[in-house]
Protein backbone atom coordinates (compact mmCIF):
# COMPACT_ATOMS: atom_id res chain seq x y z
CA MET A 1 117.96 25.83 92.27
CA THR A 2 115.80 25.51 89.17
CA LYS A 3 117.13 28.81 87.82
CA CYS A 4 120.65 27.32 88.00
CA LEU A 5 119.74 24.38 85.76
CA ILE A 6 120.68 25.04 82.16
CA GLU A 7 120.10 23.39 78.83
CA PRO A 8 122.93 20.80 78.77
CA ILE A 9 125.90 21.99 76.75
CA LYS A 10 129.00 20.00 75.84
CA GLN A 11 132.14 21.88 76.90
CA LYS A 12 135.86 21.23 77.17
CA TYR A 13 137.20 20.59 80.68
CA ARG A 14 140.69 20.14 82.07
CA CYS A 15 141.61 17.77 84.87
CA ALA A 16 142.64 19.53 88.09
CA ASN A 17 145.44 16.98 88.65
CA ASP A 18 146.77 16.95 85.07
CA PHE A 19 146.20 20.21 83.22
CA ASN A 20 147.26 18.58 79.93
CA ASP A 21 144.27 16.22 80.13
CA LEU A 22 141.44 17.81 78.09
CA TYR A 23 138.03 16.19 77.56
CA GLU A 24 134.40 17.06 76.84
CA LEU A 25 131.64 16.87 79.45
CA TRP A 26 128.03 18.04 79.59
CA THR A 27 127.51 21.14 81.74
CA VAL A 28 124.03 20.87 83.31
CA LEU A 29 124.06 23.42 86.15
CA GLU A 30 125.75 26.76 86.79
CA GLU A 31 125.67 28.04 90.37
CA THR A 32 125.69 31.63 89.13
CA ARG A 33 125.56 33.17 85.70
CA TYR A 34 128.96 34.65 86.45
CA ALA A 35 132.18 32.67 86.19
CA ASP A 36 132.84 32.51 89.94
CA GLY A 37 130.46 29.68 90.88
CA TYR A 38 130.50 25.92 90.76
CA ARG A 39 129.25 23.93 87.79
CA ILE A 40 127.80 20.46 87.73
CA TYR A 41 128.70 18.34 84.73
CA TYR A 42 127.64 14.95 83.43
CA ASP A 43 130.20 12.49 82.03
CA GLU A 44 128.45 10.24 79.55
CA ASN A 45 131.40 7.78 79.51
CA THR A 46 131.29 7.05 83.24
CA GLU A 47 127.60 7.97 83.66
CA MET A 48 128.53 10.13 86.66
CA PHE A 49 128.01 13.73 87.72
CA GLY A 50 130.78 15.91 89.08
CA LEU A 51 131.83 19.42 90.05
CA ALA A 52 133.89 21.97 88.19
CA ILE A 53 135.06 25.54 88.56
CA GLN A 54 136.16 28.10 86.02
CA SER A 55 139.69 29.47 86.27
CA ASN A 56 140.56 33.13 85.95
CA LYS A 57 141.65 32.29 82.38
CA ASP A 58 138.16 31.00 81.44
CA VAL A 59 139.22 27.34 81.59
CA LEU A 60 136.74 24.85 83.06
CA ILE A 61 138.47 22.65 85.64
CA ASP A 62 137.07 19.28 86.70
CA ILE A 63 137.51 19.04 90.47
CA GLY A 64 135.94 15.62 90.96
CA SER A 65 133.19 13.14 90.21
CA TYR A 66 130.52 12.52 92.82
CA GLY A 67 128.32 9.90 91.23
CA THR A 68 124.75 11.13 91.30
CA PHE A 69 123.45 14.60 90.55
CA LEU A 70 122.30 15.02 94.16
CA LYS A 71 125.70 14.05 95.57
CA ALA A 72 127.36 16.60 93.30
CA LEU A 73 124.79 19.22 94.32
CA TYR A 74 125.28 18.56 98.05
CA SER A 75 129.05 18.82 97.59
CA MET A 76 128.89 22.38 96.28
C-alpha cells in the first residue's frame, strides 16, 4: 500500500451524479500508476476522504465520500 501513496496533488474532479459539477480535491493515493485503478482523495472543505475513478476520457470522477482514509481504503 505504501507504494500507492503519492505526494498530495490538487486535481479537478467531476461528480458522478452531476457531470456539470466540477471541483478541486486532493488526490492522496492511486491504486495503480495506470488510469484503471481507484484513487483516494481528500476534501478539505468537508474534511473527508473519498473514492474516485478515472473515465476513459481522462476525467476524474468522484464516486463517493467515506469519511476516514481507512474507510475509503477498505471500500476500494
